[in-house]
Amino acid sequence: MCLCIQKMQSKLYLLIALFLFVIRSFSQSGIITGKITDASNNQALIGTTITVKNSKAKALSDVDGVYRIGNLLPGKYILEVTYVG
C-alpha cells in the first residue's frame, strides 16, 4: 500500500508542476493600449491602424481613438500608425 501512495504523490507533484507551468505561460503576455488624437485639435482619430512592426499584431482605434493590442511577449516594440482621411 505504501508504494501506491508514493506513486499517487509523484503524479500529484507532476500535475501541480504542469499546472504552474501553464499558468506562468499565460501570465507572460502583455498588452499595448493607447489613444490616437489629432495633434491640431485633440480630436479622436477613428479607424486608425496601429501595427506592431515586424509582426502580424495590429488594432484599429475605436470611436474614442482608443486601441488595444494583446497577446504580446514582454519587451520593447515599434508601432506603425496609419490613418487615411
PDB file of N, CA and C in Angstrom:
ATOM      1  N   MET A   1       0.817  -1.186   0.000  1.00  0.00           N
ATOM      2  CA  MET A   1       0.000   0.000   0.000  1.00  0.00           C
ATOM      3  C   MET A   1       0.867   1.258   0.000  1.00  0.00           C
ATOM      4  N   CYS A   2       2.007   1.224   0.615  1.00  0.00           N
ATOM      5  CA  CYS A   2       2.897   2.373   0.686  1.00  0.00           C
ATOM      6  C   CYS A   2       3.395   2.765  -0.704  1.00  0.00           C
ATOM      7  N   LEU A   3       3.657   1.786  -1.562  1.00  0.00           N
ATOM      8  CA  LEU A   3       4.120   2.053  -2.923  1.00  0.00           C
ATOM      9  C   LEU A   3       3.038   2.763  -3.731  1.00  0.00           C
ATOM     10  N   CYS A   4       1.801   2.392  -3.505  1.00  0.00           N
ATOM     11  CA  CYS A   4       0.677   3.025  -4.203  1.00  0.00           C
ATOM     12  C   CYS A   4       0.557   4.508  -3.827  1.00  0.00           C
ATOM     13  N   ILE A   5       0.746   4.821  -2.575  1.00  0.00           N
ATOM     14  CA  ILE A   5       0.668   6.209  -2.110  1.00  0.00           C
ATOM     15  C   ILE A   5       1.814   7.024  -2.693  1.00  0.00           C
ATOM     16  N   GLN A   6       3.016   6.437  -2.773  1.00  0.00           N
ATOM     17  CA  GLN A   6       4.154   7.139  -3.350  1.00  0.00           C
ATOM     18  C   GLN A   6       3.919   7.451  -4.825  1.00  0.00           C
ATOM     19  N   LYS A   7       3.321   6.526  -5.565  1.00  0.00           N
ATOM     20  CA  LYS A   7       3.021   6.765  -6.985  1.00  0.00           C
ATOM     21  C   LYS A   7       2.001   7.880  -7.134  1.00  0.00           C
ATOM     22  N   MET A   8       0.998   7.871  -6.262  1.00  0.00           N
ATOM     23  CA  MET A   8      -0.014   8.917  -6.322  1.00  0.00           C
ATOM     24  C   MET A   8       0.594  10.277  -5.998  1.00  0.00           C
ATOM     25  N   GLN A   9       1.499  10.311  -5.015  1.00  0.00           N
ATOM     26  CA  GLN A   9       2.148  11.572  -4.648  1.00  0.00           C
ATOM     27  C   GLN A   9       3.003  12.088  -5.802  1.00  0.00           C
ATOM     28  N   SER A  10       3.748  11.206  -6.452  1.00  0.00           N
ATOM     29  CA  SER A  10       4.593  11.655  -7.562  1.00  0.00           C
ATOM     30  C   SER A  10       3.744  12.160  -8.720  1.00  0.00           C
ATOM     31  N   LYS A  11       2.603  11.517  -8.978  1.00  0.00           N
ATOM     32  CA  LYS A  11       1.700  12.001 -10.032  1.00  0.00           C
ATOM     33  C   LYS A  11       1.091  13.348  -9.649  1.00  0.00           C
ATOM     34  N   LEU A  12       0.778  13.511  -8.378  1.00  0.00           N
ATOM     35  CA  LEU A  12       0.217  14.778  -7.913  1.00  0.00           C
ATOM     36  C   LEU A  12       1.240  15.907  -8.057  1.00  0.00           C
ATOM     37  N   TYR A  13       2.500  15.636  -7.688  1.00  0.00           N
ATOM     38  CA  TYR A  13       3.545  16.646  -7.839  1.00  0.00           C
ATOM     39  C   TYR A  13       3.747  17.020  -9.304  1.00  0.00           C
ATOM     40  N   LEU A  14       3.709  16.025 -10.171  1.00  0.00           N
ATOM     41  CA  LEU A  14       3.849  16.282 -11.605  1.00  0.00           C
ATOM     42  C   LEU A  14       2.685  17.129 -12.110  1.00  0.00           C
ATOM     43  N   LEU A  15       1.481  16.823 -11.675  1.00  0.00           N
ATOM     44  CA  LEU A  15       0.300  17.581 -12.081  1.00  0.00           C
ATOM     45  C   LEU A  15       0.376  19.030 -11.588  1.00  0.00           C
ATOM     46  N   ILE A  16       0.825  19.231 -10.359  1.00  0.00           N
ATOM     47  CA  ILE A  16       0.959  20.583  -9.817  1.00  0.00           C
ATOM     48  C   ILE A  16       2.015  21.360 -10.592  1.00  0.00           C
ATOM     49  N   ALA A  17       3.154  20.732 -10.899  1.00  0.00           N
ATOM     50  CA  ALA A  17       4.210  21.398 -11.660  1.00  0.00           C
ATOM     51  C   ALA A  17       3.710  21.786 -13.052  1.00  0.00           C
ATOM     52  N   LEU A  18       2.980  20.890 -13.695  1.00  0.00           N
ATOM     53  CA  LEU A  18       2.431  21.185 -15.020  1.00  0.00           C
ATOM     54  C   LEU A  18       1.435  22.341 -14.944  1.00  0.00           C
ATOM     55  N   PHE A  19       0.579  22.348 -13.950  1.00  0.00           N
ATOM     56  CA  PHE A  19      -0.397  23.406 -13.761  1.00  0.00           C
ATOM     57  C   PHE A  19       0.294  24.760 -13.572  1.00  0.00           C
ATOM     58  N   LEU A  20       1.337  24.800 -12.748  1.00  0.00           N
ATOM     59  CA  LEU A  20       2.060  26.052 -12.525  1.00  0.00           C
ATOM     60  C   LEU A  20       2.761  26.520 -13.794  1.00  0.00           C
ATOM     61  N   PHE A  21       3.282  25.603 -14.593  1.00  0.00           N
ATOM     62  CA  PHE A  21       3.917  25.969 -15.859  1.00  0.00           C
ATOM     63  C   PHE A  21       2.908  26.603 -16.813  1.00  0.00           C
ATOM     64  N   VAL A  22       1.718  26.017 -16.905  1.00  0.00           N
ATOM     65  CA  VAL A  22       0.684  26.550 -17.792  1.00  0.00           C
ATOM     66  C   VAL A  22       0.251  27.936 -17.339  1.00  0.00           C
ATOM     67  N   ILE A  23       0.046  28.118 -16.051  1.00  0.00           N
ATOM     68  CA  ILE A  23      -0.341  29.433 -15.529  1.00  0.00           C
ATOM     69  C   ILE A  23       0.750  30.456 -15.827  1.00  0.00           C
ATOM     70  N   ARG A  24       2.002  30.090 -15.624  1.00  0.00           N
ATOM     71  CA  ARG A  24       3.109  31.009 -15.876  1.00  0.00           C
ATOM     72  C   ARG A  24       3.200  31.366 -17.352  1.00  0.00           C
ATOM     73  N   SER A  25       2.932  30.406 -18.225  1.00  0.00           N
ATOM     74  CA  SER A  25       2.979  30.666 -19.665  1.00  0.00           C
ATOM     75  C   SER A  25       1.933  31.696 -20.065  1.00  0.00           C
ATOM     76  N   PHE A  26       0.730  31.575 -19.529  1.00  0.00           N
ATOM     77  CA  PHE A  26      -0.322  32.514 -19.878  1.00  0.00           C
ATOM     78  C   PHE A  26      -0.107  33.888 -19.253  1.00  0.00           C
ATOM     79  N   SER A  27       0.576  33.943 -18.144  1.00  0.00           N
ATOM     80  CA  SER A  27       0.764  35.227 -17.472  1.00  0.00           C
ATOM     81  C   SER A  27       1.882  36.050 -18.106  1.00  0.00           C
ATOM     82  N   GLN A  28       2.584  35.512 -19.086  1.00  0.00           N
ATOM     83  CA  GLN A  28       3.698  36.214 -19.696  1.00  0.00           C
ATOM     84  C   GLN A  28       3.277  37.081 -20.879  1.00  0.00           C
ATOM     85  N   SER A  29       1.997  37.187 -21.170  1.00  0.00           N
ATOM     86  CA  SER A  29       1.588  38.001 -22.307  1.00  0.00           C
ATOM     87  C   SER A  29       1.315  39.438 -21.856  1.00  0.00           C
ATOM     88  N   GLY A  30       1.592  40.365 -22.760  1.00  0.00           N
ATOM     89  CA  GLY A  30       1.424  41.776 -22.443  1.00  0.00           C
ATOM     90  C   GLY A  30       0.398  42.430 -23.356  1.00  0.00           C
ATOM     91  N   ILE A  31       0.052  43.652 -23.024  1.00  0.00           N
ATOM     92  CA  ILE A  31      -0.941  44.422 -23.777  1.00  0.00           C
ATOM     93  C   ILE A  31      -0.388  45.822 -24.010  1.00  0.00           C
ATOM     94  N   ILE A  32      -0.582  46.317 -25.211  1.00  0.00           N
ATOM     95  CA  ILE A  32      -0.277  47.715 -25.526  1.00  0.00           C
ATOM     96  C   ILE A  32      -1.604  48.417 -25.746  1.00  0.00           C
ATOM     97  N   THR A  33      -1.835  49.508 -25.040  1.00  0.00           N
ATOM     98  CA  THR A  33      -3.053  50.293 -25.226  1.00  0.00           C
ATOM     99  C   THR A  33      -2.670  51.761 -25.401  1.00  0.00           C
ATOM    100  N   GLY A  34      -3.556  52.495 -26.011  1.00  0.00           N
ATOM    101  CA  GLY A  34      -3.301  53.920 -26.189  1.00  0.00           C
ATOM    102  C   GLY A  34      -4.477  54.628 -26.806  1.00  0.00           C
ATOM    103  N   LYS A  35      -4.289  55.902 -27.071  1.00  0.00           N
ATOM    104  CA  LYS A  35      -5.334  56.725 -27.682  1.00  0.00           C
ATOM    105  C   LYS A  35      -4.691  57.565 -28.772  1.00  0.00           C
ATOM    106  N   ILE A  36      -5.304  57.570 -29.944  1.00  0.00           N
ATOM    107  CA  ILE A  36      -4.812  58.315 -31.092  1.00  0.00           C
ATOM    108  C   ILE A  36      -5.670  59.569 -31.246  1.00  0.00           C
ATOM    109  N   THR A  37      -5.014  60.742 -31.265  1.00  0.00           N
ATOM    110  CA  THR A  37      -5.732  62.006 -31.439  1.00  0.00           C
ATOM    111  C   THR A  37      -5.031  62.872 -32.478  1.00  0.00           C
ATOM    112  N   ASP A  38      -5.785  63.787 -33.042  1.00  0.00           N
ATOM    113  CA  ASP A  38      -5.253  64.767 -33.985  1.00  0.00           C
ATOM    114  C   ASP A  38      -4.465  65.806 -33.183  1.00  0.00           C
ATOM    115  N   ALA A  39      -3.226  66.043 -33.573  1.00  0.00           N
ATOM    116  CA  ALA A  39      -2.369  66.978 -32.827  1.00  0.00           C
ATOM    117  C   ALA A  39      -2.883  68.410 -32.894  1.00  0.00           C
ATOM    118  N   SER A  40      -3.603  68.772 -33.963  1.00  0.00           N
ATOM    119  CA  SER A  40      -4.032  70.162 -34.106  1.00  0.00           C
ATOM    120  C   SER A  40      -5.266  70.514 -33.277  1.00  0.00           C
ATOM    121  N   ASN A  41      -6.167  69.532 -33.060  1.00  0.00           N
ATOM    122  CA  ASN A  41      -7.398  69.862 -32.331  1.00  0.00           C
ATOM    123  C   ASN A  41      -7.749  68.862 -31.217  1.00  0.00           C
ATOM    124  N   ASN A  42      -6.889  67.875 -31.001  1.00  0.00           N
ATOM    125  CA  ASN A  42      -7.062  66.878 -29.939  1.00  0.00           C
ATOM    126  C   ASN A  42      -8.298  65.997 -30.115  1.00  0.00           C
ATOM    127  N   GLN A  43      -8.846  65.934 -31.328  1.00  0.00           N
ATOM    128  CA  GLN A  43      -9.996  65.071 -31.621  1.00  0.00           C
ATOM    129  C   GLN A  43      -9.520  63.627 -31.828  1.00  0.00           C
ATOM    130  N   ALA A  44     -10.323  62.660 -31.385  1.00  0.00           N
ATOM    131  CA  ALA A  44     -10.000  61.243 -31.577  1.00  0.00           C
ATOM    132  C   ALA A  44      -9.991  60.906 -33.060  1.00  0.00           C
ATOM    133  N   LEU A  45      -9.023  60.104 -33.475  1.00  0.00           N
ATOM    134  CA  LEU A  45      -8.954  59.648 -34.865  1.00  0.00           C
ATOM    135  C   LEU A  45      -9.509  58.224 -34.927  1.00  0.00           C
ATOM    136  N   ILE A  46     -10.702  58.106 -35.490  1.00  0.00           N
ATOM    137  CA  ILE A  46     -11.400  56.834 -35.577  1.00  0.00           C
ATOM    138  C   ILE A  46     -10.860  56.029 -36.756  1.00  0.00           C
ATOM    139  N   GLY A  47     -10.663  54.721 -36.550  1.00  0.00           N
ATOM    140  CA  GLY A  47     -10.249  53.839 -37.634  1.00  0.00           C
ATOM    141  C   GLY A  47      -8.772  53.895 -37.978  1.00  0.00           C
ATOM    142  N   THR A  48      -7.965  54.442 -37.105  1.00  0.00           N
ATOM    143  CA  THR A  48      -6.523  54.455 -37.314  1.00  0.00           C
ATOM    144  C   THR A  48      -5.998  53.035 -37.130  1.00  0.00           C
ATOM    145  N   THR A  49      -5.094  52.608 -38.010  1.00  0.00           N
ATOM    146  CA  THR A  49      -4.495  51.278 -37.893  1.00  0.00           C
ATOM    147  C   THR A  49      -3.174  51.382 -37.152  1.00  0.00           C
ATOM    148  N   ILE A  50      -3.050  50.597 -36.090  1.00  0.00           N
ATOM    149  CA  ILE A  50      -1.820  50.556 -35.299  1.00  0.00           C
ATOM    150  C   ILE A  50      -1.272  49.143 -35.446  1.00  0.00           C
ATOM    151  N   THR A  51      -0.042  49.025 -35.958  1.00  0.00           N
ATOM    152  CA  THR A  51       0.574  47.726 -36.205  1.00  0.00           C
ATOM    153  C   THR A  51       1.889  47.632 -35.443  1.00  0.00           C
ATOM    154  N   VAL A  52       2.144  46.468 -34.856  1.00  0.00           N
ATOM    155  CA  VAL A  52       3.441  46.212 -34.241  1.00  0.00           C
ATOM    156  C   VAL A  52       4.393  45.857 -35.375  1.00  0.00           C
ATOM    157  N   LYS A  53       5.453  46.644 -35.532  1.00  0.00           N
ATOM    158  CA  LYS A  53       6.401  46.470 -36.632  1.00  0.00           C
ATOM    159  C   LYS A  53       6.988  45.056 -36.612  1.00  0.00           C
ATOM    160  N   ASN A  54       7.123  44.478 -37.808  1.00  0.00           N
ATOM    161  CA  ASN A  54       7.656  43.119 -37.998  1.00  0.00           C
ATOM    162  C   ASN A  54       6.806  42.062 -37.299  1.00  0.00           C
ATOM    163  N   SER A  55       5.496  42.300 -37.269  1.00  0.00           N
ATOM    164  CA  SER A  55       4.580  41.387 -36.601  1.00  0.00           C
ATOM    165  C   SER A  55       3.230  41.427 -37.315  1.00  0.00           C
ATOM    166  N   LYS A  56       2.393  40.441 -37.039  1.00  0.00           N
ATOM    167  CA  LYS A  56       1.031  40.442 -37.560  1.00  0.00           C
ATOM    168  C   LYS A  56       0.059  41.093 -36.580  1.00  0.00           C
ATOM    169  N   ALA A  57       0.539  41.463 -35.409  1.00  0.00           N
ATOM    170  CA  ALA A  57      -0.312  42.052 -34.381  1.00  0.00           C
ATOM    171  C   ALA A  57      -0.682  43.484 -34.771  1.00  0.00           C
ATOM    172  N   LYS A  58      -1.993  43.764 -34.746  1.00  0.00           N
ATOM    173  CA  LYS A  58      -2.453  45.121 -35.057  1.00  0.00           C
ATOM    174  C   LYS A  58      -3.829  45.353 -34.478  1.00  0.00           C
ATOM    175  N   ALA A  59      -4.247  46.623 -34.503  1.00  0.00           N
ATOM    176  CA  ALA A  59      -5.553  47.005 -33.981  1.00  0.00           C
ATOM    177  C   ALA A  59      -6.028  48.242 -34.715  1.00  0.00           C
ATOM    178  N   LEU A  60      -7.332  48.492 -34.616  1.00  0.00           N
ATOM    179  CA  LEU A  60      -7.942  49.711 -35.130  1.00  0.00           C
ATOM    180  C   LEU A  60      -8.428  50.534 -33.952  1.00  0.00           C
ATOM    181  N   SER A  61      -8.269  51.843 -34.047  1.00  0.00           N
ATOM    182  CA  SER A  61      -8.777  52.700 -32.974  1.00  0.00           C
ATOM    183  C   SER A  61     -10.299  52.779 -33.064  1.00  0.00           C
ATOM    184  N   ASP A  62     -10.941  52.869 -31.903  1.00  0.00           N
ATOM    185  CA  ASP A  62     -12.403  52.917 -31.863  1.00  0.00           C
ATOM    186  C   ASP A  62     -12.904  54.365 -31.969  1.00  0.00           C
ATOM    187  N   VAL A  63     -14.168  54.589 -31.668  1.00  0.00           N
ATOM    188  CA  VAL A  63     -14.764  55.921 -31.810  1.00  0.00           C
ATOM    189  C   VAL A  63     -14.156  56.955 -30.864  1.00  0.00           C
ATOM    190  N   ASP A  64     -13.485  56.485 -29.819  1.00  0.00           N
ATOM    191  CA  ASP A  64     -12.809  57.386 -28.880  1.00  0.00           C
ATOM    192  C   ASP A  64     -11.314  57.492 -29.184  1.00  0.00           C
ATOM    193  N   GLY A  65     -10.866  56.841 -30.266  1.00  0.00           N
ATOM    194  CA  GLY A  65      -9.447  56.851 -30.622  1.00  0.00           C
ATOM    195  C   GLY A  65      -8.612  55.851 -29.846  1.00  0.00           C
ATOM    196  N   VAL A  66      -9.263  55.007 -29.060  1.00  0.00           N
ATOM    197  CA  VAL A  66      -8.566  54.048 -28.200  1.00  0.00           C
ATOM    198  C   VAL A  66      -8.297  52.757 -28.965  1.00  0.00           C
ATOM    199  N   TYR A  67      -7.114  52.185 -28.741  1.00  0.00           N
ATOM    200  CA  TYR A  67      -6.761  50.898 -29.341  1.00  0.00           C
ATOM    201  C   TYR A  67      -6.160  49.984 -28.283  1.00  0.00           C
ATOM    202  N   ARG A  68      -6.158  48.681 -28.582  1.00  0.00           N
ATOM    203  CA  ARG A  68      -5.616  47.670 -27.667  1.00  0.00           C
ATOM    204  C   ARG A  68      -5.036  46.541 -28.492  1.00  0.00           C
ATOM    205  N   ILE A  69      -3.774  46.223 -28.255  1.00  0.00           N
ATOM    206  CA  ILE A  69      -3.117  45.091 -28.909  1.00  0.00           C
ATOM    207  C   ILE A  69      -2.679  44.142 -27.797  1.00  0.00           C
ATOM    208  N   GLY A  70      -3.182  42.915 -27.821  1.00  0.00           N
ATOM    209  CA  GLY A  70      -2.891  41.958 -26.762  1.00  0.00           C
ATOM    210  C   GLY A  70      -2.052  40.786 -27.230  1.00  0.00           C
ATOM    211  N   ASN A  71      -1.820  39.863 -26.314  1.00  0.00           N
ATOM    212  CA  ASN A  71      -1.054  38.634 -26.548  1.00  0.00           C
ATOM    213  C   ASN A  71       0.358  38.899 -27.035  1.00  0.00           C
ATOM    214  N   LEU A  72       1.027  39.852 -26.431  1.00  0.00           N
ATOM    215  CA  LEU A  72       2.411  40.166 -26.775  1.00  0.00           C
ATOM    216  C   LEU A  72       3.334  39.703 -25.663  1.00  0.00           C
ATOM    217  N   LEU A  73       4.511  39.245 -26.045  1.00  0.00           N
ATOM    218  CA  LEU A  73       5.519  38.917 -25.050  1.00  0.00           C
ATOM    219  C   LEU A  73       6.077  40.209 -24.469  1.00  0.00           C
ATOM    220  N   PRO A  74       6.487  40.186 -23.221  1.00  0.00           N
ATOM    221  CA  PRO A  74       7.088  41.393 -22.641  1.00  0.00           C
ATOM    222  C   PRO A  74       8.303  41.825 -23.457  1.00  0.00           C
ATOM    223  N   GLY A  75       8.460  43.114 -23.654  1.00  0.00           N
ATOM    224  CA  GLY A  75       9.583  43.634 -24.418  1.00  0.00           C
ATOM    225  C   GLY A  75       9.300  45.016 -24.948  1.00  0.00           C
ATOM    226  N   LYS A  76      10.174  45.472 -25.846  1.00  0.00           N
ATOM    227  CA  LYS A  76      10.015  46.778 -26.483  1.00  0.00           C
ATOM    228  C   LYS A  76       9.545  46.561 -27.910  1.00  0.00           C
ATOM    229  N   TYR A  77       8.636  47.419 -28.354  1.00  0.00           N
ATOM    230  CA  TYR A  77       8.062  47.304 -29.684  1.00  0.00           C
ATOM    231  C   TYR A  77       8.046  48.653 -30.374  1.00  0.00           C
ATOM    232  N   ILE A  78       8.084  48.622 -31.691  1.00  0.00           N
ATOM    233  CA  ILE A  78       7.919  49.821 -32.512  1.00  0.00           C
ATOM    234  C   ILE A  78       6.541  49.720 -33.152  1.00  0.00           C
ATOM    235  N   LEU A  79       5.739  50.774 -32.988  1.00  0.00           N
ATOM    236  CA  LEU A  79       4.389  50.793 -33.560  1.00  0.00           C
ATOM    237  C   LEU A  79       4.387  51.615 -34.833  1.00  0.00           C
ATOM    238  N   GLU A  80       3.681  51.118 -35.838  1.00  0.00           N
ATOM    239  CA  GLU A  80       3.461  51.852 -37.079  1.00  0.00           C
ATOM    240  C   GLU A  80       2.002  52.290 -37.087  1.00  0.00           C
ATOM    241  N   VAL A  81       1.769  53.571 -37.316  1.00  0.00           N
ATOM    242  CA  VAL A  81       0.425  54.124 -37.276  1.00  0.00           C
ATOM    243  C   VAL A  81       0.073  54.696 -38.640  1.00  0.00           C
ATOM    244  N   THR A  82      -1.076  54.258 -39.172  1.00  0.00           N
ATOM    245  CA  THR A  82      -1.547  54.787 -40.453  1.00  0.00           C
ATOM    246  C   THR A  82      -2.991  55.253 -40.317  1.00  0.00           C
ATOM    247  N   TYR A  83      -3.271  56.378 -40.987  1.00  0.00           N
ATOM    248  CA  TYR A  83      -4.620  56.942 -40.950  1.00  0.00           C
ATOM    249  C   TYR A  83      -4.899  57.557 -42.305  1.00  0.00           C
ATOM    250  N   VAL A  84      -6.053  57.231 -42.866  1.00  0.00           N
ATOM    251  CA  VAL A  84      -6.466  57.788 -44.148  1.00  0.00           C
ATOM    252  C   VAL A  84      -7.644  58.719 -43.878  1.00  0.00           C
ATOM    253  N   GLY A  85      -7.502  59.984 -44.258  1.00  0.00           N
ATOM    254  CA  GLY A  85      -8.629  60.877 -44.045  1.00  0.00           C
ATOM    255  C   GLY A  85      -8.263  62.316 -43.977  1.00  0.00           C
TER     256      GLY A  85
END
